[in-house]
Each structure stands twice: as structure tokens, then as C-alpha cells.
Amino acid sequence: MRKSLPIIAVAIAIVFAGAQWWMKKESRNSPSLVYSRDDPIHYFSLPDVSGQQVDIQPIIEQNKLTWIGFGQTGCGPCRRMFPVMKKMHEKYQESGLGMVLVQVGDSREAARRLAEAYTLEFPVLVDARNVQSQRINMEELPTSFLVDSTGTIKHISPGLFNIRHWPYSIEYWLQKE
């Protein structure tokens, strides 16, 4: 019996590894979960830096427009996005702009340090296992979405290349709402 325990343990580990690989493969390859402009966003909840579960649906519904940014502390372009998000939040919050930052693959502690370093005053959520980024087939960081109060995606920005245009997009969609 003792000789068979290591074999059973290895078999269980292989089964779990295979199941995890299959789930990641299925979520990444599901074309129905890739977002386009005017698609409804799939609401989700994740823990914030304090460990509290935060649902993004009420945040989206309470604001005319919500910027949902996906980033990572070790990502250079993402670190350039964080101060821009802070500045846009400060400038447009009174006009109805909500803000959510999702830290992909980061620990809660790393995300907490980031929120403190940039003095971010909006929810910073932790997607430590990349569940949401895989669910939406995200291929690069940072990636950001502007979502209206009905949950409809109005603008998508993969990467940082057009971040200088964000104020114009935010102003445009805030005026339309």
C-alpha cells in the first residue's frame, strides 16, 4: 500500500494539471468571449487590495462611463498608464467617470503597494490567477475599456500606444451619455 501512495499522488497531480491546462485553453480559445466595441461587458468580481470582493457591475451602473484598465506591476507600459488613470479620474470623476484597475497576475500585496505608491483612489482589483484576462482573451498589457452605464463597451485600447487620445475619448463619451 505504501508503494502505491506516490503513484496515486502523481496520478492525481497529472489529472489536476491536465484539467487546468484544458480550462485555460478553452477560455483563451473561446471566440464568444472576445470583446468588440458595442459588446456588453461580462460583469465580474475580484478581491481588492484589502481582500474585499468587489463587483464591477454597481461601479459601471453608478457612472456615466467607467474606465476598466488591466495592468501589471512588472509591466513598463502599465506603469506609464497608472498615473494617467489617476489624472483622468481626478479630472473627470465629477463628470461621471468611474475607474477600476485590475492587476493581472499580481499578488494582493504587490497591488496594494502599487495603489499606495500612486495614491490611487479608485478600486484596484487583484486577478492573481489571470482568470479575467484569460476569459476575455487579453493578449497584451495594458489593455483598457471604456464602458457606459449600461455595460456596453464604447472604446477598447490594447497596449499603451494611443493613451494620449484617452482624454478625447473620455470627453466624447461623457458628453454623449
N, C-alpha and C. Protein backbone atom coordinates (compact mmCIF):
# COMPACT_ATOMS: atom_id res chain seq x y z
N MET A 1 0.82 -1.20 0.00
CA MET A 1 0.00 0.00 0.00
C MET A 1 0.86 1.26 0.00
N ARG A 2 1.95 1.26 0.80
CA ARG A 2 2.82 2.43 0.89
C ARG A 2 3.49 2.73 -0.46
N LYS A 3 3.81 1.68 -1.22
CA LYS A 3 4.46 1.87 -2.51
C LYS A 3 3.50 2.50 -3.52
N SER A 4 2.22 2.28 -3.37
CA SER A 4 1.26 2.81 -4.33
C SER A 4 0.86 4.26 -4.03
N LEU A 5 1.11 4.76 -2.84
CA LEU A 5 0.75 6.14 -2.50
C LEU A 5 1.44 7.17 -3.39
N PRO A 6 2.77 7.07 -3.63
CA PRO A 6 3.39 8.04 -4.54
C PRO A 6 2.83 7.98 -5.95
N ILE A 7 2.50 6.79 -6.41
CA ILE A 7 1.93 6.64 -7.75
C ILE A 7 0.56 7.31 -7.81
N ILE A 8 -0.25 7.13 -6.79
CA ILE A 8 -1.57 7.77 -6.73
C ILE A 8 -1.41 9.28 -6.69
N ALA A 9 -0.47 9.78 -5.89
CA ALA A 9 -0.24 11.22 -5.78
C ALA A 9 0.18 11.82 -7.13
N VAL A 10 1.05 11.13 -7.86
CA VAL A 10 1.48 11.59 -9.17
C VAL A 10 0.31 11.57 -10.15
N ALA A 11 -0.50 10.54 -10.10
CA ALA A 11 -1.66 10.45 -10.99
C ALA A 11 -2.64 11.59 -10.73
N ILE A 12 -2.88 11.89 -9.47
CA ILE A 12 -3.79 13.00 -9.12
C ILE A 12 -3.21 14.32 -9.61
N ALA A 13 -1.91 14.53 -9.43
CA ALA A 13 -1.26 15.76 -9.89
C ALA A 13 -1.39 15.90 -11.40
N ILE A 14 -1.22 14.82 -12.13
CA ILE A 14 -1.34 14.87 -13.59
C ILE A 14 -2.76 15.21 -14.00
N VAL A 15 -3.73 14.62 -13.34
CA VAL A 15 -5.14 14.91 -13.66
C VAL A 15 -5.44 16.39 -13.42
N PHE A 16 -5.01 16.93 -12.27
CA PHE A 16 -5.27 18.35 -11.98
C PHE A 16 -4.55 19.25 -12.96
N ALA A 17 -3.30 18.94 -13.30
CA ALA A 17 -2.55 19.75 -14.27
C ALA A 17 -3.24 19.73 -15.63
N GLY A 18 -3.70 18.55 -16.05
CA GLY A 18 -4.40 18.45 -17.32
C GLY A 18 -5.70 19.22 -17.33
N ALA A 19 -6.44 19.17 -16.24
CA ALA A 19 -7.70 19.91 -16.14
C ALA A 19 -7.45 21.41 -16.19
N GLN A 20 -6.41 21.86 -15.49
CA GLN A 20 -6.09 23.28 -15.50
C GLN A 20 -5.68 23.73 -16.90
N TRP A 21 -4.84 22.96 -17.59
CA TRP A 21 -4.44 23.29 -18.94
C TRP A 21 -5.66 23.36 -19.86
N TRP A 22 -6.56 22.40 -19.76
CA TRP A 22 -7.74 22.37 -20.61
C TRP A 22 -8.62 23.59 -20.36
N MET A 23 -8.82 23.97 -19.07
CA MET A 23 -9.67 25.13 -18.77
C MET A 23 -9.05 26.40 -19.32
N LYS A 24 -7.74 26.57 -19.20
CA LYS A 24 -7.08 27.75 -19.76
C LYS A 24 -7.21 27.76 -21.27
N LYS A 25 -7.00 26.61 -21.89
CA LYS A 25 -7.09 26.51 -23.35
C LYS A 25 -8.50 26.87 -23.81
N GLU A 26 -9.51 26.34 -23.15
CA GLU A 26 -10.88 26.60 -23.53
C GLU A 26 -11.25 28.07 -23.35
N SER A 27 -10.81 28.70 -22.24
CA SER A 27 -11.17 30.10 -22.03
C SER A 27 -10.43 31.01 -23.01
N ARG A 28 -9.20 30.69 -23.37
CA ARG A 28 -8.44 31.52 -24.31
C ARG A 28 -8.95 31.37 -25.73
N ASN A 29 -9.45 30.21 -26.08
CA ASN A 29 -9.84 29.95 -27.46
C ASN A 29 -11.33 30.13 -27.71
N SER A 30 -12.05 30.66 -26.76
CA SER A 30 -13.47 30.83 -26.94
C SER A 30 -13.75 32.16 -27.64
N PRO A 31 -14.07 32.13 -28.93
CA PRO A 31 -14.26 33.38 -29.66
C PRO A 31 -15.44 34.19 -29.15
N SER A 32 -16.38 33.58 -28.45
CA SER A 32 -17.55 34.32 -27.97
C SER A 32 -17.19 35.26 -26.83
N LEU A 33 -16.00 35.11 -26.26
CA LEU A 33 -15.61 35.96 -25.14
C LEU A 33 -14.66 37.08 -25.54
N VAL A 34 -14.36 37.23 -26.80
CA VAL A 34 -13.52 38.32 -27.26
C VAL A 34 -14.41 39.55 -27.44
N TYR A 35 -13.98 40.65 -26.84
CA TYR A 35 -14.79 41.86 -26.89
C TYR A 35 -14.53 42.69 -28.15
N SER A 36 -15.59 43.36 -28.59
CA SER A 36 -15.52 44.37 -29.63
C SER A 36 -16.32 45.58 -29.14
N ARG A 37 -16.13 46.68 -29.80
CA ARG A 37 -16.90 47.87 -29.46
C ARG A 37 -18.39 47.55 -29.61
N ASP A 38 -19.18 48.07 -28.69
CA ASP A 38 -20.63 47.89 -28.61
C ASP A 38 -21.05 46.53 -28.08
N ASP A 39 -20.11 45.70 -27.67
CA ASP A 39 -20.44 44.44 -26.98
C ASP A 39 -20.77 44.74 -25.53
N PRO A 40 -21.63 43.93 -24.92
CA PRO A 40 -21.84 44.07 -23.47
C PRO A 40 -20.64 43.46 -22.74
N ILE A 41 -20.22 44.11 -21.69
CA ILE A 41 -19.12 43.56 -20.90
C ILE A 41 -19.67 42.46 -20.01
N HIS A 42 -18.88 41.45 -19.76
CA HIS A 42 -19.28 40.39 -18.83
C HIS A 42 -18.87 40.86 -17.44
N TYR A 43 -19.86 41.09 -16.59
CA TYR A 43 -19.57 41.57 -15.24
C TYR A 43 -18.80 40.51 -14.47
N PHE A 44 -17.95 40.97 -13.58
CA PHE A 44 -17.15 40.07 -12.76
C PHE A 44 -16.89 40.71 -11.41
N SER A 45 -16.43 39.92 -10.48
CA SER A 45 -15.99 40.44 -9.19
C SER A 45 -14.65 39.81 -8.86
N LEU A 46 -13.82 40.62 -8.22
CA LEU A 46 -12.48 40.20 -7.81
C LEU A 46 -12.18 40.83 -6.46
N PRO A 47 -11.22 40.29 -5.73
CA PRO A 47 -10.84 40.94 -4.47
C PRO A 47 -10.05 42.22 -4.75
N ASP A 48 -10.24 43.21 -3.87
CA ASP A 48 -9.43 44.41 -3.96
C ASP A 48 -8.16 44.23 -3.13
N VAL A 49 -7.39 45.29 -2.97
CA VAL A 49 -6.10 45.18 -2.27
C VAL A 49 -6.26 44.87 -0.79
N SER A 50 -7.45 45.08 -0.24
CA SER A 50 -7.67 44.75 1.16
C SER A 50 -8.28 43.36 1.33
N GLY A 51 -8.60 42.69 0.23
CA GLY A 51 -9.18 41.36 0.28
C GLY A 51 -10.70 41.35 0.15
N GLN A 52 -11.33 42.54 0.12
CA GLN A 52 -12.79 42.64 -0.05
C GLN A 52 -13.16 42.30 -1.49
N GLN A 53 -14.20 41.50 -1.67
CA GLN A 53 -14.68 41.17 -3.00
C GLN A 53 -15.41 42.39 -3.56
N VAL A 54 -15.06 42.81 -4.78
CA VAL A 54 -15.67 43.98 -5.41
C VAL A 54 -16.31 43.53 -6.72
N ASP A 55 -17.59 43.85 -6.88
CA ASP A 55 -18.34 43.56 -8.09
C ASP A 55 -18.30 44.81 -8.96
N ILE A 56 -17.90 44.68 -10.23
CA ILE A 56 -17.79 45.87 -11.07
C ILE A 56 -19.14 46.37 -11.58
N GLN A 57 -20.19 45.55 -11.55
CA GLN A 57 -21.48 45.98 -12.09
C GLN A 57 -22.01 47.24 -11.42
N PRO A 58 -22.05 47.34 -10.09
CA PRO A 58 -22.54 48.59 -9.49
C PRO A 58 -21.67 49.79 -9.82
N ILE A 59 -20.38 49.59 -9.95
CA ILE A 59 -19.49 50.70 -10.32
C ILE A 59 -19.85 51.21 -11.70
N ILE A 60 -20.05 50.28 -12.63
CA ILE A 60 -20.40 50.66 -14.01
C ILE A 60 -21.76 51.35 -14.04
N GLU A 61 -22.75 50.80 -13.33
CA GLU A 61 -24.10 51.36 -13.36
C GLU A 61 -24.20 52.72 -12.67
N GLN A 62 -23.32 53.01 -11.72
CA GLN A 62 -23.36 54.28 -10.99
C GLN A 62 -22.66 55.42 -11.72
N ASN A 63 -21.96 55.12 -12.78
CA ASN A 63 -21.21 56.15 -13.51
C ASN A 63 -21.69 56.23 -14.95
N LYS A 64 -21.53 57.42 -15.55
CA LYS A 64 -21.85 57.56 -16.97
C LYS A 64 -20.92 56.70 -17.81
N LEU A 65 -19.66 56.65 -17.38
CA LEU A 65 -18.62 55.96 -18.12
C LEU A 65 -17.63 55.39 -17.11
N THR A 66 -17.13 54.19 -17.35
CA THR A 66 -16.14 53.58 -16.46
C THR A 66 -14.95 53.11 -17.28
N TRP A 67 -13.78 53.50 -16.83
CA TRP A 67 -12.52 53.04 -17.43
C TRP A 67 -12.09 51.82 -16.65
N ILE A 68 -12.02 50.68 -17.32
CA ILE A 68 -11.52 49.45 -16.71
C ILE A 68 -10.16 49.18 -17.35
N GLY A 69 -9.12 49.33 -16.55
CA GLY A 69 -7.77 49.13 -17.04
C GLY A 69 -7.18 47.84 -16.48
N PHE A 70 -6.56 47.07 -17.34
CA PHE A 70 -5.87 45.85 -16.92
C PHE A 70 -4.38 46.11 -17.03
N GLY A 71 -3.66 45.89 -15.93
CA GLY A 71 -2.23 46.15 -15.92
C GLY A 71 -1.51 45.15 -15.03
N GLN A 72 -0.22 45.43 -14.83
CA GLN A 72 0.61 44.56 -14.00
C GLN A 72 1.78 45.39 -13.49
N THR A 73 2.18 45.16 -12.25
CA THR A 73 3.24 45.98 -11.66
C THR A 73 4.57 45.82 -12.39
N GLY A 74 4.86 44.66 -12.94
CA GLY A 74 6.13 44.45 -13.63
C GLY A 74 6.14 44.88 -15.08
N CYS A 75 5.10 45.49 -15.55
CA CYS A 75 4.94 45.88 -16.95
C CYS A 75 5.27 47.37 -17.10
N GLY A 76 6.32 47.67 -17.87
CA GLY A 76 6.74 49.06 -18.05
C GLY A 76 5.65 49.96 -18.61
N PRO A 77 5.00 49.58 -19.74
CA PRO A 77 3.92 50.41 -20.26
C PRO A 77 2.76 50.57 -19.27
N CYS A 78 2.51 49.54 -18.47
CA CYS A 78 1.44 49.63 -17.46
C CYS A 78 1.78 50.71 -16.43
N ARG A 79 3.04 50.76 -16.03
CA ARG A 79 3.45 51.77 -15.05
C ARG A 79 3.27 53.17 -15.60
N ARG A 80 3.31 53.33 -16.91
CA ARG A 80 3.03 54.64 -17.52
C ARG A 80 1.53 54.91 -17.54
N MET A 81 0.72 53.86 -17.56
CA MET A 81 -0.74 54.03 -17.58
C MET A 81 -1.28 54.47 -16.22
N PHE A 82 -0.71 53.97 -15.12
CA PHE A 82 -1.27 54.23 -13.78
C PHE A 82 -1.41 55.72 -13.48
N PRO A 83 -0.38 56.56 -13.71
CA PRO A 83 -0.56 57.99 -13.42
C PRO A 83 -1.58 58.65 -14.35
N VAL A 84 -1.70 58.16 -15.58
CA VAL A 84 -2.70 58.70 -16.50
C VAL A 84 -4.09 58.39 -15.98
N MET A 85 -4.29 57.15 -15.50
CA MET A 85 -5.60 56.79 -14.93
C MET A 85 -5.92 57.69 -13.74
N LYS A 86 -4.94 57.91 -12.88
CA LYS A 86 -5.15 58.76 -11.71
C LYS A 86 -5.55 60.18 -12.15
N LYS A 87 -4.81 60.73 -13.10
CA LYS A 87 -5.09 62.09 -13.59
C LYS A 87 -6.48 62.19 -14.21
N MET A 88 -6.84 61.20 -15.03
CA MET A 88 -8.16 61.21 -15.68
C MET A 88 -9.27 61.06 -14.64
N HIS A 89 -9.04 60.23 -13.64
CA HIS A 89 -10.03 60.06 -12.57
C HIS A 89 -10.24 61.36 -11.83
N GLU A 90 -9.16 62.02 -11.46
CA GLU A 90 -9.27 63.29 -10.75
C GLU A 90 -9.97 64.35 -11.60
N LYS A 91 -9.68 64.38 -12.89
CA LYS A 91 -10.24 65.40 -13.77
C LYS A 91 -11.72 65.15 -14.10
N TYR A 92 -12.11 63.89 -14.29
CA TYR A 92 -13.45 63.60 -14.82
C TYR A 92 -14.39 62.89 -13.84
N GLN A 93 -13.96 62.66 -12.64
CA GLN A 93 -14.81 61.95 -11.68
C GLN A 93 -16.13 62.69 -11.45
N GLU A 94 -16.05 63.98 -11.29
CA GLU A 94 -17.26 64.78 -11.06
C GLU A 94 -18.19 64.77 -12.27
N SER A 95 -17.66 64.50 -13.45
CA SER A 95 -18.47 64.45 -14.67
C SER A 95 -19.08 63.07 -14.91
N GLY A 96 -18.76 62.10 -14.05
CA GLY A 96 -19.37 60.78 -14.17
C GLY A 96 -18.43 59.67 -14.62
N LEU A 97 -17.11 59.89 -14.52
CA LEU A 97 -16.16 58.84 -14.90
C LEU A 97 -15.83 57.98 -13.68
N GLY A 98 -16.10 56.69 -13.80
CA GLY A 98 -15.67 55.72 -12.79
C GLY A 98 -14.38 55.08 -13.26
N MET A 99 -13.70 54.44 -12.35
CA MET A 99 -12.40 53.88 -12.68
C MET A 99 -12.20 52.58 -11.91
N VAL A 100 -11.67 51.57 -12.59
CA VAL A 100 -11.31 50.30 -11.95
C VAL A 100 -10.00 49.85 -12.58
N LEU A 101 -9.05 49.50 -11.75
CA LEU A 101 -7.79 48.95 -12.22
C LEU A 101 -7.73 47.49 -11.80
N VAL A 102 -7.48 46.61 -12.76
CA VAL A 102 -7.36 45.18 -12.47
C VAL A 102 -5.89 44.80 -12.66
N GLN A 103 -5.27 44.36 -11.58
CA GLN A 103 -3.88 43.95 -11.62
C GLN A 103 -3.81 42.46 -11.96
N VAL A 104 -3.29 42.16 -13.13
CA VAL A 104 -3.28 40.81 -13.68
C VAL A 104 -1.99 40.09 -13.26
N GLY A 105 -2.17 38.94 -12.61
CA GLY A 105 -1.02 38.12 -12.24
C GLY A 105 -0.24 38.64 -11.05
N ASP A 106 -0.70 39.70 -10.42
CA ASP A 106 -0.01 40.27 -9.27
C ASP A 106 -0.58 39.72 -7.97
N SER A 107 0.23 39.72 -6.95
CA SER A 107 -0.25 39.38 -5.62
C SER A 107 -1.02 40.56 -5.05
N ARG A 108 -1.81 40.31 -4.04
CA ARG A 108 -2.56 41.37 -3.38
C ARG A 108 -1.59 42.40 -2.79
N GLU A 109 -0.50 41.93 -2.23
CA GLU A 109 0.50 42.83 -1.62
C GLU A 109 1.13 43.74 -2.68
N ALA A 110 1.48 43.18 -3.82
CA ALA A 110 2.07 43.98 -4.90
C ALA A 110 1.08 45.03 -5.39
N ALA A 111 -0.18 44.64 -5.53
CA ALA A 111 -1.21 45.58 -5.97
C ALA A 111 -1.45 46.66 -4.91
N ARG A 112 -1.39 46.29 -3.64
CA ARG A 112 -1.57 47.27 -2.55
C ARG A 112 -0.44 48.30 -2.58
N ARG A 113 0.79 47.82 -2.74
CA ARG A 113 1.93 48.74 -2.81
C ARG A 113 1.80 49.69 -3.99
N LEU A 114 1.32 49.16 -5.13
CA LEU A 114 1.12 49.99 -6.31
C LEU A 114 0.08 51.07 -6.03
N ALA A 115 -1.06 50.69 -5.45
CA ALA A 115 -2.13 51.65 -5.15
C ALA A 115 -1.62 52.74 -4.21
N GLU A 116 -0.81 52.36 -3.25
CA GLU A 116 -0.25 53.34 -2.31
C GLU A 116 0.79 54.23 -3.00
N ALA A 117 1.66 53.65 -3.81
CA ALA A 117 2.71 54.42 -4.47
C ALA A 117 2.14 55.50 -5.39
N TYR A 118 1.04 55.19 -6.07
CA TYR A 118 0.43 56.15 -6.98
C TYR A 118 -0.75 56.88 -6.34
N THR A 119 -1.01 56.61 -5.07
CA THR A 119 -2.16 57.17 -4.32
C THR A 119 -3.44 57.09 -5.15
N LEU A 120 -3.76 55.88 -5.59
CA LEU A 120 -4.96 55.66 -6.40
C LEU A 120 -6.18 55.63 -5.49
N GLU A 121 -7.18 56.39 -5.85
CA GLU A 121 -8.38 56.50 -5.03
C GLU A 121 -9.59 55.88 -5.71
N PHE A 122 -9.36 54.84 -6.46
CA PHE A 122 -10.43 54.07 -7.09
C PHE A 122 -10.09 52.61 -6.87
N PRO A 123 -11.04 51.70 -7.09
CA PRO A 123 -10.79 50.28 -6.81
C PRO A 123 -9.63 49.71 -7.62
N VAL A 124 -8.72 49.06 -6.90
CA VAL A 124 -7.63 48.31 -7.52
C VAL A 124 -7.90 46.85 -7.17
N LEU A 125 -8.26 46.08 -8.20
CA LEU A 125 -8.65 44.68 -8.01
C LEU A 125 -7.48 43.77 -8.37
N VAL A 126 -7.50 42.58 -7.81
CA VAL A 126 -6.40 41.64 -7.97
C VAL A 126 -6.89 40.39 -8.70
N ASP A 127 -6.35 40.17 -9.89
CA ASP A 127 -6.63 38.96 -10.68
C ASP A 127 -5.36 38.11 -10.68
N ALA A 128 -5.01 37.60 -9.50
CA ALA A 128 -3.74 36.92 -9.30
C ALA A 128 -3.56 35.71 -10.21
N ARG A 129 -4.64 35.05 -10.56
CA ARG A 129 -4.55 33.84 -11.40
C ARG A 129 -4.91 34.09 -12.86
N ASN A 130 -5.01 35.36 -13.25
CA ASN A 130 -5.28 35.74 -14.64
C ASN A 130 -6.62 35.23 -15.16
N VAL A 131 -7.57 35.01 -14.29
CA VAL A 131 -8.86 34.45 -14.71
C VAL A 131 -9.58 35.40 -15.66
N GLN A 132 -9.71 36.68 -15.29
CA GLN A 132 -10.46 37.61 -16.15
C GLN A 132 -9.73 37.90 -17.44
N SER A 133 -8.41 38.06 -17.37
CA SER A 133 -7.67 38.36 -18.59
C SER A 133 -7.74 37.19 -19.58
N GLN A 134 -7.74 35.97 -19.08
CA GLN A 134 -7.89 34.81 -19.97
C GLN A 134 -9.31 34.69 -20.49
N ARG A 135 -10.27 35.03 -19.65
CA ARG A 135 -11.67 34.93 -20.05
C ARG A 135 -11.96 35.83 -21.24
N ILE A 136 -11.29 36.98 -21.30
CA ILE A 136 -11.56 37.90 -22.41
C ILE A 136 -10.47 37.85 -23.48
N ASN A 137 -9.64 36.82 -23.40
CA ASN A 137 -8.60 36.61 -24.41
C ASN A 137 -7.64 37.78 -24.55
N MET A 138 -7.29 38.42 -23.44
CA MET A 138 -6.39 39.55 -23.47
C MET A 138 -5.00 39.10 -23.90
N GLU A 139 -4.47 39.78 -24.91
CA GLU A 139 -3.18 39.38 -25.45
C GLU A 139 -2.05 40.31 -25.05
N GLU A 140 -2.37 41.53 -24.59
CA GLU A 140 -1.29 42.43 -24.20
C GLU A 140 -1.72 43.33 -23.06
N LEU A 141 -0.72 43.74 -22.31
CA LEU A 141 -0.93 44.66 -21.20
C LEU A 141 -0.16 45.93 -21.48
N PRO A 142 -0.70 47.06 -21.11
CA PRO A 142 -2.03 47.25 -20.54
C PRO A 142 -3.09 47.16 -21.62
N THR A 143 -4.28 46.84 -21.21
CA THR A 143 -5.47 46.90 -22.06
C THR A 143 -6.55 47.60 -21.26
N SER A 144 -7.26 48.52 -21.92
CA SER A 144 -8.28 49.30 -21.23
C SER A 144 -9.58 49.30 -22.02
N PHE A 145 -10.67 49.45 -21.27
CA PHE A 145 -12.01 49.53 -21.85
C PHE A 145 -12.72 50.74 -21.28
N LEU A 146 -13.46 51.45 -22.11
CA LEU A 146 -14.42 52.44 -21.64
C LEU A 146 -15.79 51.80 -21.79
N VAL A 147 -16.54 51.77 -20.69
CA VAL A 147 -17.83 51.09 -20.66
C VAL A 147 -18.87 52.08 -20.17
N ASP A 148 -20.01 52.16 -20.88
CA ASP A 148 -21.06 53.09 -20.43
C ASP A 148 -21.87 52.47 -19.30
N SER A 149 -22.83 53.23 -18.79
CA SER A 149 -23.58 52.80 -17.60
C SER A 149 -24.47 51.58 -17.84
N THR A 150 -24.69 51.24 -19.10
CA THR A 150 -25.48 50.04 -19.40
C THR A 150 -24.60 48.81 -19.54
N GLY A 151 -23.28 48.99 -19.43
CA GLY A 151 -22.36 47.86 -19.57
C GLY A 151 -21.91 47.63 -21.00
N THR A 152 -22.15 48.61 -21.88
CA THR A 152 -21.75 48.49 -23.28
C THR A 152 -20.36 49.07 -23.47
N ILE A 153 -19.49 48.32 -24.12
CA ILE A 153 -18.12 48.77 -24.37
C ILE A 153 -18.15 49.84 -25.46
N LYS A 154 -17.58 50.99 -25.15
CA LYS A 154 -17.55 52.11 -26.09
C LYS A 154 -16.18 52.30 -26.73
N HIS A 155 -15.15 51.87 -26.05
CA HIS A 155 -13.80 52.05 -26.58
C HIS A 155 -12.89 50.98 -25.99
N ILE A 156 -12.01 50.44 -26.81
CA ILE A 156 -11.03 49.44 -26.37
C ILE A 156 -9.65 49.93 -26.77
N SER A 157 -8.71 49.83 -25.85
CA SER A 157 -7.35 50.23 -26.16
C SER A 157 -6.38 49.15 -25.71
N PRO A 158 -5.95 48.27 -26.63
CA PRO A 158 -4.90 47.32 -26.26
C PRO A 158 -3.55 48.03 -26.32
N GLY A 159 -2.76 47.85 -25.29
CA GLY A 159 -1.45 48.49 -25.25
C GLY A 159 -1.54 49.94 -24.83
N LEU A 160 -0.43 50.61 -24.91
CA LEU A 160 -0.34 51.99 -24.44
C LEU A 160 -0.26 52.97 -25.59
N PHE A 161 -0.25 52.46 -26.82
CA PHE A 161 0.14 53.30 -27.93
C PHE A 161 -0.75 54.51 -28.15
N ASN A 162 -2.00 54.48 -27.80
CA ASN A 162 -2.84 55.65 -28.03
C ASN A 162 -3.37 56.27 -26.75
N ILE A 163 -2.61 56.18 -25.67
CA ILE A 163 -3.09 56.70 -24.39
C ILE A 163 -3.27 58.21 -24.42
N ARG A 164 -2.53 58.89 -25.28
CA ARG A 164 -2.69 60.35 -25.35
C ARG A 164 -4.06 60.74 -25.89
N HIS A 165 -4.76 59.80 -26.53
CA HIS A 165 -6.09 60.07 -27.06
C HIS A 165 -7.21 59.80 -26.06
N TRP A 166 -6.86 59.21 -24.91
CA TRP A 166 -7.88 58.87 -23.93
C TRP A 166 -8.69 60.07 -23.44
N PRO A 167 -8.07 61.22 -23.15
CA PRO A 167 -8.91 62.35 -22.71
C PRO A 167 -9.99 62.71 -23.73
N TYR A 168 -9.67 62.63 -25.00
CA TYR A 168 -10.66 62.95 -26.04
C TYR A 168 -11.78 61.92 -26.07
N SER A 169 -11.41 60.65 -25.94
CA SER A 169 -12.44 59.59 -25.91
C SER A 169 -13.32 59.74 -24.68
N ILE A 170 -12.71 60.02 -23.54
CA ILE A 170 -13.48 60.17 -22.31
C ILE A 170 -14.44 61.35 -22.44
N GLU A 171 -13.95 62.49 -22.90
CA GLU A 171 -14.81 63.66 -23.06
C GLU A 171 -15.94 63.39 -24.06
N TYR A 172 -15.61 62.75 -25.16
CA TYR A 172 -16.61 62.44 -26.18
C TYR A 172 -17.74 61.59 -25.60
N TRP A 173 -17.38 60.48 -24.92
CA TRP A 173 -18.41 59.58 -24.42
C TRP A 173 -19.14 60.14 -23.21
N LEU A 174 -18.48 60.97 -22.40
CA LEU A 174 -19.20 61.60 -21.29
C LEU A 174 -20.25 62.57 -21.82
N GLN A 175 -19.95 63.27 -22.89
CA GLN A 175 -20.92 64.21 -23.48
C GLN A 175 -22.09 63.46 -24.14
N LYS A 176 -21.81 62.30 -24.72
CA LYS A 176 -22.86 61.53 -25.39
C LYS A 176 -23.82 60.88 -24.41
N GLU A 177 -23.33 60.55 -23.22
CA GLU A 177 -24.17 59.83 -22.26
C GLU A 177 -25.18 60.75 -21.65
